[in-house]
Structures are given as structure tokens and as C-alpha cells.
Amino acid sequence: MGFGNWYDENVVPRLIQCACSSPAVSALRDKVVPLASGKVFEIGCGGGLNHEFYDLGKVTSFSGMDPSAKGLQYAREAVAKKGWAADVRQGYGEAIPFEDESFDCVVCTFTLCSVGDQAQTLRELRRILRPGGRLLYAEHGSAPDQRVRNWQGRIEPVWKRLAGGCHLTRPVSSAISAAGFAPLQTGERYAPKTPRWAGWMEWGEAAKAG
């Protein structure tokens, strides 16, 4: 295993675990994840950071997926702590290993920034949702202010190398709408106590349209 592969598999999951459990990020998880109900699928479940926010009274089954073996280890530990049966698999967002219209709800938190193909991943999320199913999301991405976007563009090439392919310049809500989701409720802001180039957050609930 080369250093790059070792870093991605062993260091990046720990960095993500730390960064994605900050108070600002956890506050957004708390806005979104408790809304999940029915048969739930979580993309990018590695780390298991959302499990404390799920309402067991609303969720009838849980499935998840993540590309990282180390991340899945954390996720399975969180599943065991939660005490529920779950189908947690290794995989990539561009080819989700579940059947069409399998889920009532998809949860996607701080994941679209790092998938290889954002548009294809969103198409896959739409595919596995039943008609009218809901996408719950909280993500960081391209800021509305040009000066901040300029800094995001400068920092992103180095940031991607350090943070497991995380992009700073990707759109969030507009990309979700373009993939065939109708917004139900949304929110956006700069996260407090976070550099603006990394702190533009968008979250919400969208329904599978069509």
C-alpha cells in the first residue's frame, strides 16, 4: 500500500470524524436527521455520526453505505450502540447497491462534497427512492459571495488532497433541484466559528419529483 492509499484509508476517516462532529456541523445534523422516517438509506454513513440523531420511533429499517473500510467500522460500532438491525455496505454513490424505489427516505450529510460524480450520485439517490420519497440533506459548498468563492477556488486543489477529495466549490441545493428533487424546506448560512471558505452550509428536505 502506497502512502497515498494509507493516508486515505487511515488518516482521512479520522480527520473527517473530527471535523464532521464539530458543534456547527452537529447542529445541522440535529435539524435534518430527526426528520427521517420509514425505510431509511444513509449515503456516506461512515463514522456513524448521524446515529444519535435518528428517532427510532419513526425509522422502520436502516441501510447505509460508505466507500471507506475504516469509516464503515465506525458506522457499525454506532449501529451496535444504537441497538438496531441495519444493512451497512461498502460502495460508492455513483453505483448504489440497492434496488429501484427501495426507500422512503434518503439521508445525505456532508457527503456530496467528496463523491466522484455529484450529478450521478444524486441520480442514484433519486433512483432508490420511492415516488414522493424524501431526501434530507445538510452539506457545505460554493458560497454566495464572490470573494469567498475566489478563496474556495484557490484552496480547493490542496484541500482535496488533504481531505479525501472534499470539494469546496460544488453547488448544493441547485444541484439537488437539477437532479429531479422538489424542495420542501431549505436553509442556508455561514457556520459560526468556521472559516468562510469552508463554512457555507445548505440544508433541507426535498421530495422525489415526477
Protein backbone atom coordinates (compact mmCIF):
# COMPACT_ATOMS: atom_id res chain seq x y z
CA MET A 1 0.00 0.00 0.00
CA GLY A 2 1.44 3.38 -1.03
CA PHE A 3 1.45 6.36 1.31
CA GLY A 4 -1.46 7.98 -0.53
CA ASN A 5 -3.68 4.92 -0.12
CA TRP A 6 -2.62 4.51 3.51
CA TYR A 7 -3.38 8.18 4.21
CA ASP A 8 -6.81 7.99 2.55
CA GLU A 9 -7.79 4.81 4.38
CA ASN A 10 -6.38 5.53 7.83
CA VAL A 11 -5.90 9.28 8.31
CA VAL A 12 -8.77 10.79 6.30
CA PRO A 13 -11.54 8.91 8.18
CA ARG A 14 -10.18 10.20 11.47
CA LEU A 15 -9.93 13.76 10.14
CA ILE A 16 -13.50 13.56 8.86
CA GLN A 17 -14.67 12.10 12.17
CA CYS A 18 -13.20 15.12 13.95
CA ALA A 19 -14.24 17.86 11.50
CA CYS A 20 -17.74 16.50 10.96
CA SER A 21 -18.53 16.30 14.66
CA SER A 22 -17.89 19.99 15.32
CA PRO A 23 -20.68 21.89 17.14
CA ALA A 24 -21.70 23.77 13.96
CA VAL A 25 -21.95 20.59 11.90
CA SER A 26 -23.70 18.65 14.66
CA ALA A 27 -26.28 21.43 14.96
CA LEU A 28 -27.20 20.96 11.30
CA ARG A 29 -27.38 17.20 11.70
CA ASP A 30 -29.82 17.80 14.53
CA LYS A 31 -32.02 19.90 12.23
CA VAL A 32 -32.19 17.28 9.49
CA VAL A 33 -31.66 13.70 10.68
CA PRO A 34 -34.59 13.50 13.17
CA LEU A 35 -36.95 14.07 10.22
CA ALA A 36 -36.05 10.66 8.77
CA SER A 37 -38.84 8.08 8.79
CA GLY A 38 -39.83 4.75 7.26
CA LYS A 39 -37.24 2.76 5.35
CA VAL A 40 -34.12 4.94 5.55
CA PHE A 41 -30.94 4.88 3.49
CA GLU A 42 -27.91 6.96 4.51
CA ILE A 43 -25.18 7.65 1.97
CA GLY A 44 -21.74 8.33 3.42
CA CYS A 45 -22.67 6.67 6.70
CA GLY A 46 -19.03 6.04 7.64
CA GLY A 47 -18.28 7.46 11.03
CA GLY A 48 -21.76 6.80 12.36
CA LEU A 49 -22.13 10.43 13.37
CA ASN A 50 -25.83 10.65 12.49
CA HIS A 51 -27.00 7.74 14.61
CA GLU A 52 -27.50 9.75 17.79
CA PHE A 53 -29.98 11.96 15.93
CA TYR A 54 -32.28 9.30 14.43
CA ASP A 55 -35.69 8.86 16.02
CA LEU A 56 -36.15 5.11 16.48
CA GLY A 57 -39.88 5.61 16.74
CA LYS A 58 -40.01 6.87 13.14
CA VAL A 59 -37.46 4.62 11.41
CA THR A 60 -38.68 1.15 10.41
CA SER A 61 -35.39 -0.01 8.83
CA PHE A 62 -31.93 1.44 8.26
CA SER A 63 -29.44 0.83 5.44
CA GLY A 64 -26.21 2.67 4.79
CA MET A 65 -23.20 2.80 2.51
CA ASP A 66 -19.68 4.22 2.56
CA PRO A 67 -16.54 3.60 0.48
CA SER A 68 -14.15 3.59 3.45
CA ALA A 69 -13.48 0.38 5.36
CA LYS A 70 -12.36 2.38 8.40
CA GLY A 71 -15.43 4.60 8.14
CA LEU A 72 -17.66 1.53 7.99
CA GLN A 73 -16.01 0.21 11.13
CA TYR A 74 -17.06 3.39 12.93
CA ALA A 75 -20.54 3.14 11.42
CA ARG A 76 -21.07 -0.45 12.52
CA GLU A 77 -19.93 0.42 16.02
CA ALA A 78 -22.53 3.20 16.08
CA VAL A 79 -25.20 0.80 14.80
CA ALA A 80 -24.39 -1.67 17.57
CA LYS A 81 -24.54 1.11 20.17
CA LYS A 82 -27.90 2.22 18.79
CA GLY A 83 -29.11 -1.36 19.16
CA TRP A 84 -30.89 -1.70 15.82
CA ALA A 85 -30.54 -4.10 12.92
CA ALA A 86 -29.00 -2.46 9.88
CA ASP A 87 -27.74 -3.28 6.38
CA VAL A 88 -24.46 -1.36 6.06
CA ARG A 89 -22.42 -1.93 2.90
CA GLN A 90 -19.23 -0.72 1.26
CA GLY A 91 -19.80 1.11 -2.01
CA TYR A 92 -19.76 4.33 -3.99
CA GLY A 93 -22.50 6.86 -4.58
CA GLU A 94 -22.26 6.56 -8.35
CA ALA A 95 -23.47 2.92 -8.19
CA ILE A 96 -25.57 2.34 -5.08
CA PRO A 97 -26.08 -1.41 -4.49
CA PHE A 98 -29.82 -1.27 -3.76
CA GLU A 99 -32.89 -1.78 -5.95
CA ASP A 100 -35.03 0.95 -7.52
CA GLU A 101 -37.60 2.56 -5.24
CA SER A 102 -36.35 0.71 -2.16
CA PHE A 103 -36.54 3.53 0.40
CA ASP A 104 -38.93 6.10 1.83
CA CYS A 105 -36.16 8.48 2.86
CA VAL A 106 -32.52 9.16 2.00
CA VAL A 107 -30.18 10.99 4.38
CA CYS A 108 -27.14 12.74 2.90
CA THR A 109 -24.95 14.80 5.22
CA PHE A 110 -21.57 16.27 4.30
CA THR A 111 -21.08 13.70 1.56
CA LEU A 112 -21.85 15.35 -1.80
CA CYS A 113 -18.65 17.37 -1.46
CA SER A 114 -16.47 14.27 -1.78
CA VAL A 115 -18.23 11.88 -4.17
CA GLY A 116 -16.52 11.39 -7.52
CA ASP A 117 -19.53 12.43 -9.63
CA GLN A 118 -22.05 14.57 -7.80
CA ALA A 119 -24.70 14.54 -10.54
CA GLN A 120 -24.58 10.75 -10.95
CA THR A 121 -24.74 10.24 -7.19
CA LEU A 122 -27.86 12.40 -6.99
CA ARG A 123 -29.42 10.42 -9.83
CA GLU A 124 -28.73 7.24 -7.87
CA LEU A 125 -30.31 8.69 -4.74
CA ARG A 126 -33.38 9.58 -6.75
CA ARG A 127 -33.47 6.09 -8.27
CA ILE A 128 -33.59 4.26 -4.95
CA LEU A 129 -36.34 6.48 -3.54
CA ARG A 130 -39.97 5.52 -3.94
CA PRO A 131 -42.24 8.06 -5.72
CA GLY A 132 -42.65 11.03 -3.43
CA GLY A 133 -39.81 9.84 -1.18
CA ARG A 134 -37.76 12.44 0.65
CA LEU A 135 -34.12 13.47 0.52
CA LEU A 136 -32.84 15.03 3.74
CA TYR A 137 -29.54 16.84 3.33
CA ALA A 138 -27.01 19.05 5.07
CA GLU A 139 -23.93 19.96 3.03
CA HIS A 140 -21.23 22.58 2.63
CA GLY A 141 -20.41 24.05 -0.75
CA SER A 142 -19.98 27.02 -3.04
CA ALA A 143 -20.51 30.29 -1.18
CA PRO A 144 -22.82 33.05 -2.48
CA ASP A 145 -20.14 35.76 -2.12
CA GLN A 146 -17.68 36.13 -4.98
CA ARG A 147 -14.74 36.97 -2.75
CA VAL A 148 -15.31 33.81 -0.71
CA ARG A 149 -15.74 31.75 -3.88
CA ASN A 150 -12.40 33.06 -5.14
CA TRP A 151 -10.71 31.79 -1.99
CA GLN A 152 -12.52 28.48 -2.27
CA GLY A 153 -11.15 28.06 -5.77
CA ARG A 154 -7.60 28.82 -4.64
CA ILE A 155 -7.71 26.49 -1.65
CA GLU A 156 -9.63 23.58 -3.18
CA PRO A 157 -6.77 21.82 -5.05
CA VAL A 158 -4.75 21.40 -1.85
CA TRP A 159 -7.81 20.82 0.32
CA LYS A 160 -8.97 17.91 -1.86
CA ARG A 161 -5.64 16.14 -1.36
CA LEU A 162 -5.76 16.54 2.41
CA ALA A 163 -9.47 15.89 2.96
CA GLY A 164 -10.29 12.80 0.92
CA GLY A 165 -11.43 14.53 -2.26
CA CYS A 166 -13.63 17.09 -0.50
CA HIS A 167 -14.63 19.93 -2.86
CA LEU A 168 -15.28 23.47 -1.67
CA THR A 169 -16.82 24.84 -4.87
CA ARG A 170 -19.72 22.50 -5.57
CA PRO A 171 -23.30 23.82 -5.60
CA VAL A 172 -25.71 22.15 -3.21
CA SER A 173 -29.43 22.99 -3.38
CA SER A 174 -29.35 23.92 -7.07
CA ALA A 175 -27.67 20.59 -7.90
CA ILE A 176 -30.32 18.73 -5.91
CA SER A 177 -33.12 20.51 -7.77
CA ALA A 178 -31.45 19.83 -11.13
CA ALA A 179 -31.38 16.10 -10.27
CA GLY A 180 -35.18 15.93 -10.06
CA PHE A 181 -35.99 16.84 -6.47
CA ALA A 182 -38.59 19.41 -5.45
CA PRO A 183 -37.60 21.49 -2.39
CA LEU A 184 -39.95 21.28 0.59
CA GLN A 185 -37.95 23.33 3.10
CA THR A 186 -34.44 24.71 2.96
CA GLY A 187 -31.95 26.73 4.97
CA GLU A 188 -28.56 28.29 4.40
CA ARG A 189 -25.92 30.24 6.31
CA TYR A 190 -22.25 30.55 7.11
CA ALA A 191 -21.38 28.27 10.00
CA PRO A 192 -20.27 30.16 13.13
CA LYS A 193 -16.64 29.98 14.20
CA THR A 194 -15.68 28.46 10.83
CA PRO A 195 -13.55 29.99 8.05
CA ARG A 196 -15.91 31.27 5.40
CA TRP A 197 -14.20 29.33 2.62
CA ALA A 198 -15.19 26.12 4.44
CA GLY A 199 -18.30 27.35 6.20
CA TRP A 200 -21.10 27.91 3.69
CA MET A 201 -23.84 25.43 4.66
CA GLU A 202 -27.08 24.46 2.97
CA TRP A 203 -29.65 22.05 4.35
CA GLY A 204 -33.20 20.98 3.75
CA GLU A 205 -35.79 18.47 2.70
CA ALA A 206 -36.68 17.68 -0.92
CA ALA A 207 -39.14 15.27 -2.49
CA LYS A 208 -38.56 12.99 -5.46
CA ALA A 209 -40.36 14.79 -8.27
CA GLY A 210 -42.04 13.24 -11.28
